[in-house]
Amino acid sequence: MLDTLKTEAVRPESVLKEFYNRNGCVRIRPDDPEKGRHGGVELRLVVGDMPERKNVLGAMKSLNLPHGKVYRKQKTRRQWVIPIYARADILSFLKIVKPKNATALSKRVQATAKRRTAAERAM
Protein backbone atom coordinates (compact mmCIF):
# COMPACT_ATOMS: atom_id res chain seq x y z
CA MET A 1 0.00 0.00 0.00
CA LEU A 2 2.76 2.43 0.93
CA ASP A 3 4.70 1.61 -2.25
CA THR A 4 1.72 2.45 -4.44
CA LEU A 5 1.33 5.82 -2.72
CA LYS A 6 4.99 6.62 -3.30
CA THR A 7 4.81 5.76 -7.00
CA GLU A 8 1.54 7.71 -7.31
CA ALA A 9 3.17 10.85 -5.87
CA VAL A 10 6.10 10.60 -8.29
CA ARG A 11 3.93 10.55 -11.42
CA PRO A 12 3.85 14.03 -13.04
CA GLU A 13 0.10 13.81 -13.74
CA SER A 14 -0.66 13.30 -10.06
CA VAL A 15 1.64 16.17 -9.05
CA LEU A 16 -0.11 18.57 -11.42
CA LYS A 17 -3.54 17.27 -10.42
CA GLU A 18 -2.76 17.86 -6.74
CA PHE A 19 -1.61 21.45 -7.34
CA TYR A 20 -4.51 22.25 -9.68
CA ASN A 21 -7.12 20.89 -7.27
CA ARG A 22 -5.49 22.74 -4.38
CA ASN A 23 -4.86 26.17 -5.91
CA GLY A 24 -5.59 26.20 -9.65
CA CYS A 25 -8.21 27.91 -11.75
CA VAL A 26 -9.27 28.58 -15.33
CA ARG A 27 -10.09 32.19 -16.14
CA ILE A 28 -12.27 32.94 -19.15
CA ARG A 29 -12.60 36.57 -20.16
CA PRO A 30 -15.07 37.43 -22.92
CA ASP A 31 -14.36 39.88 -25.73
CA ASP A 32 -15.57 43.42 -24.99
CA PRO A 33 -14.75 45.55 -28.07
CA GLU A 34 -16.58 48.59 -26.68
CA LYS A 35 -14.07 48.83 -23.85
CA GLY A 36 -11.16 47.74 -26.04
CA ARG A 37 -10.66 44.43 -24.23
CA HIS A 38 -9.73 41.23 -25.96
CA GLY A 39 -11.06 38.02 -24.50
CA GLY A 40 -9.04 35.00 -23.72
CA VAL A 41 -8.51 31.91 -21.64
CA GLU A 42 -5.89 31.34 -18.96
CA LEU A 43 -5.16 28.42 -16.66
CA ARG A 44 -3.29 29.29 -13.47
CA LEU A 45 -1.42 27.05 -11.08
CA VAL A 46 -0.50 28.82 -7.84
CA VAL A 47 2.40 27.34 -5.87
CA GLY A 48 3.61 28.32 -2.43
CA ASP A 49 7.40 28.32 -2.56
CA MET A 50 10.43 27.53 -4.70
CA PRO A 51 10.55 23.74 -4.11
CA GLU A 52 6.89 23.46 -5.12
CA ARG A 53 7.57 25.66 -8.14
CA LYS A 54 10.44 23.45 -9.26
CA ASN A 55 8.33 20.35 -8.68
CA VAL A 56 5.45 21.64 -10.84
CA LEU A 57 7.73 22.96 -13.60
CA GLY A 58 9.57 19.62 -13.69
CA ALA A 59 6.28 17.75 -14.01
CA MET A 60 5.15 20.08 -16.82
CA LYS A 61 8.46 19.64 -18.61
CA SER A 62 8.28 15.85 -18.39
CA LEU A 63 4.77 15.94 -19.93
CA ASN A 64 5.79 18.50 -22.60
CA LEU A 65 3.19 21.04 -21.43
CA PRO A 66 4.18 24.59 -22.38
CA HIS A 67 3.54 27.45 -19.96
CA GLY A 68 3.87 31.21 -19.82
CA LYS A 69 6.30 33.28 -17.83
CA VAL A 70 6.21 32.40 -14.13
CA TYR A 71 5.54 35.43 -11.96
CA ARG A 72 5.06 36.30 -8.31
CA LYS A 73 1.43 36.67 -7.28
CA GLN A 74 2.13 39.72 -5.14
CA LYS A 75 5.43 41.29 -4.16
CA THR A 76 4.74 40.78 -0.46
CA ARG A 77 3.66 37.12 -0.81
CA ARG A 78 5.71 34.03 -1.45
CA GLN A 79 3.26 32.56 -3.94
CA TRP A 80 4.12 32.04 -7.61
CA VAL A 81 1.75 31.74 -10.57
CA ILE A 82 2.46 29.36 -13.45
CA PRO A 83 0.12 30.37 -16.31
CA ILE A 84 -0.93 28.46 -19.42
CA TYR A 85 -2.42 30.75 -22.08
CA ALA A 86 -3.17 28.89 -25.33
CA ARG A 87 -6.54 27.15 -25.60
CA ALA A 88 -4.98 24.05 -27.13
CA ASP A 89 -2.42 23.85 -24.31
CA ILE A 90 -5.16 24.24 -21.69
CA LEU A 91 -7.21 21.50 -23.30
CA SER A 92 -4.21 19.15 -23.41
CA PHE A 93 -3.49 19.95 -19.73
CA LEU A 94 -7.07 19.08 -18.78
CA LYS A 95 -6.95 15.91 -20.88
CA ILE A 96 -3.69 14.69 -19.33
CA VAL A 97 -4.21 15.76 -15.72
CA LYS A 98 -7.99 15.11 -15.45
CA PRO A 99 -8.86 17.35 -12.47
CA LYS A 100 -12.22 17.20 -10.66
CA ASN A 101 -14.22 19.29 -13.17
CA ALA A 102 -12.26 18.53 -16.35
CA THR A 103 -15.21 17.83 -18.66
CA ALA A 104 -17.10 20.99 -17.73
CA LEU A 105 -13.96 23.11 -18.05
CA SER A 106 -13.09 21.57 -21.41
CA LYS A 107 -16.53 22.43 -22.76
CA ARG A 108 -16.27 26.02 -21.48
CA VAL A 109 -12.78 26.49 -22.94
CA GLN A 110 -13.83 25.05 -26.31
CA ALA A 111 -16.90 27.29 -26.35
CA THR A 112 -14.85 30.48 -26.12
CA ALA A 113 -14.85 32.22 -29.45
CA LYS A 114 -11.58 32.69 -31.23
CA ARG A 115 -10.84 36.33 -31.93
CA ARG A 116 -11.52 37.15 -35.57
CA THR A 117 -9.03 39.07 -37.67
CA ALA A 118 -9.99 42.15 -39.68
CA ALA A 119 -10.03 40.07 -42.90
CA GLU A 120 -12.45 37.58 -41.37
CA ARG A 121 -14.75 40.35 -40.18
CA ALA A 122 -14.79 41.94 -43.66
CA MET A 123 -16.24 38.79 -45.20
C-alpha atoms as a PDB file:
ATOM      1  CA  MET A   1       0.000   0.000   0.000  1.00  0.00           C
ATOM      2  CA  LEU A   2       2.758   2.429   0.926  1.00  0.00           C
ATOM      3  CA  ASP A   3       4.702   1.610  -2.254  1.00  0.00           C
ATOM      4  CA  THR A   4       1.716   2.447  -4.439  1.00  0.00           C
ATOM      5  CA  LEU A   5       1.326   5.817  -2.717  1.00  0.00           C
ATOM      6  CA  LYS A   6       4.993   6.621  -3.301  1.00  0.00           C
ATOM      7  CA  THR A   7       4.805   5.760  -7.001  1.00  0.00           C
ATOM      8  CA  GLU A   8       1.545   7.706  -7.308  1.00  0.00           C
ATOM      9  CA  ALA A   9       3.174  10.847  -5.874  1.00  0.00           C
ATOM     10  CA  VAL A  10       6.102  10.601  -8.289  1.00  0.00           C
ATOM     11  CA  ARG A  11       3.932  10.555 -11.420  1.00  0.00           C
ATOM     12  CA  PRO A  12       3.849  14.026 -13.036  1.00  0.00           C
ATOM     13  CA  GLU A  13       0.104  13.814 -13.739  1.00  0.00           C
ATOM     14  CA  SER A  14      -0.663  13.300 -10.063  1.00  0.00           C
ATOM     15  CA  VAL A  15       1.643  16.171  -9.054  1.00  0.00           C
ATOM     16  CA  LEU A  16      -0.112  18.575 -11.417  1.00  0.00           C
ATOM     17  CA  LYS A  17      -3.539  17.271 -10.423  1.00  0.00           C
ATOM     18  CA  GLU A  18      -2.760  17.860  -6.745  1.00  0.00           C
ATOM     19  CA  PHE A  19      -1.612  21.446  -7.344  1.00  0.00           C
ATOM     20  CA  TYR A  20      -4.510  22.252  -9.683  1.00  0.00           C
ATOM     21  CA  ASN A  21      -7.121  20.890  -7.275  1.00  0.00           C
ATOM     22  CA  ARG A  22      -5.494  22.742  -4.384  1.00  0.00           C
ATOM     23  CA  ASN A  23      -4.863  26.169  -5.908  1.00  0.00           C
ATOM     24  CA  GLY A  24      -5.594  26.196  -9.648  1.00  0.00           C
ATOM     25  CA  CYS A  25      -8.209  27.910 -11.748  1.00  0.00           C
ATOM     26  CA  VAL A  26      -9.274  28.579 -15.333  1.00  0.00           C
ATOM     27  CA  ARG A  27     -10.089  32.192 -16.141  1.00  0.00           C
ATOM     28  CA  ILE A  28     -12.266  32.939 -19.155  1.00  0.00           C
ATOM     29  CA  ARG A  29     -12.604  36.572 -20.155  1.00  0.00           C
ATOM     30  CA  PRO A  30     -15.074  37.431 -22.921  1.00  0.00           C
ATOM     31  CA  ASP A  31     -14.359  39.884 -25.729  1.00  0.00           C
ATOM     32  CA  ASP A  32     -15.568  43.419 -24.989  1.00  0.00           C
ATOM     33  CA  PRO A  33     -14.745  45.546 -28.069  1.00  0.00           C
ATOM     34  CA  GLU A  34     -16.585  48.587 -26.682  1.00  0.00           C
ATOM     35  CA  LYS A  35     -14.070  48.831 -23.851  1.00  0.00           C
ATOM     36  CA  GLY A  36     -11.156  47.741 -26.043  1.00  0.00           C
ATOM     37  CA  ARG A  37     -10.657  44.435 -24.235  1.00  0.00           C
ATOM     38  CA  HIS A  38      -9.731  41.227 -25.964  1.00  0.00           C
ATOM     39  CA  GLY A  39     -11.065  38.021 -24.496  1.00  0.00           C
ATOM     40  CA  GLY A  40      -9.038  34.997 -23.717  1.00  0.00           C
ATOM     41  CA  VAL A  41      -8.512  31.909 -21.641  1.00  0.00           C
ATOM     42  CA  GLU A  42      -5.890  31.343 -18.962  1.00  0.00           C
ATOM     43  CA  LEU A  43      -5.161  28.416 -16.658  1.00  0.00           C
ATOM     44  CA  ARG A  44      -3.288  29.291 -13.468  1.00  0.00           C
ATOM     45  CA  LEU A  45      -1.417  27.046 -11.082  1.00  0.00           C
ATOM     46  CA  VAL A  46      -0.499  28.821  -7.840  1.00  0.00           C
ATOM     47  CA  VAL A  47       2.403  27.345  -5.873  1.00  0.00           C
ATOM     48  CA  GLY A  48       3.607  28.315  -2.431  1.00  0.00           C
ATOM     49  CA  ASP A  49       7.400  28.316  -2.558  1.00  0.00           C
ATOM     50  CA  MET A  50      10.434  27.533  -4.699  1.00  0.00           C
ATOM     51  CA  PRO A  51      10.550  23.743  -4.113  1.00  0.00           C
ATOM     52  CA  GLU A  52       6.888  23.460  -5.121  1.00  0.00           C
ATOM     53  CA  ARG A  53       7.567  25.661  -8.137  1.00  0.00           C
ATOM     54  CA  LYS A  54      10.445  23.446  -9.255  1.00  0.00           C
ATOM     55  CA  ASN A  55       8.326  20.348  -8.680  1.00  0.00           C
ATOM     56  CA  VAL A  56       5.453  21.638 -10.841  1.00  0.00           C
ATOM     57  CA  LEU A  57       7.727  22.958 -13.600  1.00  0.00           C
ATOM     58  CA  GLY A  58       9.569  19.623 -13.689  1.00  0.00           C
ATOM     59  CA  ALA A  59       6.280  17.751 -14.013  1.00  0.00           C
ATOM     60  CA  MET A  60       5.155  20.081 -16.822  1.00  0.00           C
ATOM     61  CA  LYS A  61       8.462  19.643 -18.607  1.00  0.00           C
ATOM     62  CA  SER A  62       8.284  15.851 -18.395  1.00  0.00           C
ATOM     63  CA  LEU A  63       4.767  15.943 -19.931  1.00  0.00           C
ATOM     64  CA  ASN A  64       5.795  18.502 -22.602  1.00  0.00           C
ATOM     65  CA  LEU A  65       3.194  21.038 -21.434  1.00  0.00           C
ATOM     66  CA  PRO A  66       4.180  24.593 -22.379  1.00  0.00           C
ATOM     67  CA  HIS A  67       3.545  27.448 -19.958  1.00  0.00           C
ATOM     68  CA  GLY A  68       3.866  31.214 -19.821  1.00  0.00           C
ATOM     69  CA  LYS A  69       6.301  33.284 -17.827  1.00  0.00           C
ATOM     70  CA  VAL A  70       6.206  32.398 -14.134  1.00  0.00           C
ATOM     71  CA  TYR A  71       5.541  35.430 -11.956  1.00  0.00           C
ATOM     72  CA  ARG A  72       5.063  36.304  -8.307  1.00  0.00           C
ATOM     73  CA  LYS A  73       1.426  36.667  -7.282  1.00  0.00           C
ATOM     74  CA  GLN A  74       2.134  39.724  -5.141  1.00  0.00           C
ATOM     75  CA  LYS A  75       5.434  41.287  -4.156  1.00  0.00           C
ATOM     76  CA  THR A  76       4.739  40.776  -0.461  1.00  0.00           C
ATOM     77  CA  ARG A  77       3.660  37.125  -0.806  1.00  0.00           C
ATOM     78  CA  ARG A  78       5.712  34.034  -1.453  1.00  0.00           C
ATOM     79  CA  GLN A  79       3.261  32.564  -3.938  1.00  0.00           C
ATOM     80  CA  TRP A  80       4.119  32.036  -7.607  1.00  0.00           C
ATOM     81  CA  VAL A  81       1.746  31.741 -10.569  1.00  0.00           C
ATOM     82  CA  ILE A  82       2.456  29.362 -13.450  1.00  0.00           C
ATOM     83  CA  PRO A  83       0.120  30.367 -16.313  1.00  0.00           C
ATOM     84  CA  ILE A  84      -0.934  28.459 -19.425  1.00  0.00           C
ATOM     85  CA  TYR A  85      -2.416  30.748 -22.079  1.00  0.00           C
ATOM     86  CA  ALA A  86      -3.171  28.890 -25.326  1.00  0.00           C
ATOM     87  CA  ARG A  87      -6.536  27.150 -25.603  1.00  0.00           C
ATOM     88  CA  ALA A  88      -4.978  24.048 -27.129  1.00  0.00           C
ATOM     89  CA  ASP A  89      -2.421  23.847 -24.306  1.00  0.00           C
ATOM     90  CA  ILE A  90      -5.158  24.242 -21.685  1.00  0.00           C
ATOM     91  CA  LEU A  91      -7.213  21.497 -23.299  1.00  0.00           C
ATOM     92  CA  SER A  92      -4.214  19.151 -23.411  1.00  0.00           C
ATOM     93  CA  PHE A  93      -3.486  19.954 -19.729  1.00  0.00           C
ATOM     94  CA  LEU A  94      -7.072  19.084 -18.781  1.00  0.00           C
ATOM     95  CA  LYS A  95      -6.951  15.910 -20.881  1.00  0.00           C
ATOM     96  CA  ILE A  96      -3.694  14.687 -19.334  1.00  0.00           C
ATOM     97  CA  VAL A  97      -4.215  15.757 -15.716  1.00  0.00           C
ATOM     98  CA  LYS A  98      -7.994  15.112 -15.447  1.00  0.00           C
ATOM     99  CA  PRO A  99      -8.860  17.346 -12.465  1.00  0.00           C
ATOM    100  CA  LYS A 100     -12.222  17.204 -10.664  1.00  0.00           C
ATOM    101  CA  ASN A 101     -14.221  19.287 -13.170  1.00  0.00           C
ATOM    102  CA  ALA A 102     -12.260  18.525 -16.350  1.00  0.00           C
ATOM    103  CA  THR A 103     -15.207  17.825 -18.658  1.00  0.00           C
ATOM    104  CA  ALA A 104     -17.102  20.987 -17.735  1.00  0.00           C
ATOM    105  CA  LEU A 105     -13.963  23.110 -18.051  1.00  0.00           C
ATOM    106  CA  SER A 106     -13.087  21.565 -21.410  1.00  0.00           C
ATOM    107  CA  LYS A 107     -16.525  22.432 -22.758  1.00  0.00           C
ATOM    108  CA  ARG A 108     -16.268  26.022 -21.480  1.00  0.00           C
ATOM    109  CA  VAL A 109     -12.782  26.490 -22.941  1.00  0.00           C
ATOM    110  CA  GLN A 110     -13.831  25.052 -26.306  1.00  0.00           C
ATOM    111  CA  ALA A 111     -16.896  27.288 -26.349  1.00  0.00           C
ATOM    112  CA  THR A 112     -14.845  30.477 -26.121  1.00  0.00           C
ATOM    113  CA  ALA A 113     -14.853  32.220 -29.449  1.00  0.00           C
ATOM    114  CA  LYS A 114     -11.577  32.694 -31.230  1.00  0.00           C
ATOM    115  CA  ARG A 115     -10.844  36.333 -31.926  1.00  0.00           C
ATOM    116  CA  ARG A 116     -11.515  37.153 -35.565  1.00  0.00           C
ATOM    117  CA  THR A 117      -9.028  39.070 -37.672  1.00  0.00           C
ATOM    118  CA  ALA A 118      -9.994  42.148 -39.683  1.00  0.00           C
ATOM    119  CA  ALA A 119     -10.027  40.073 -42.900  1.00  0.00           C
ATOM    120  CA  GLU A 120     -12.447  37.575 -41.373  1.00  0.00           C
ATOM    121  CA  ARG A 121     -14.748  40.350 -40.178  1.00  0.00           C
ATOM    122  CA  ALA A 122     -14.792  41.941 -43.656  1.00  0.00           C
ATOM    123  CA  MET A 123     -16.244  38.787 -45.204  1.00  0.00           C
END
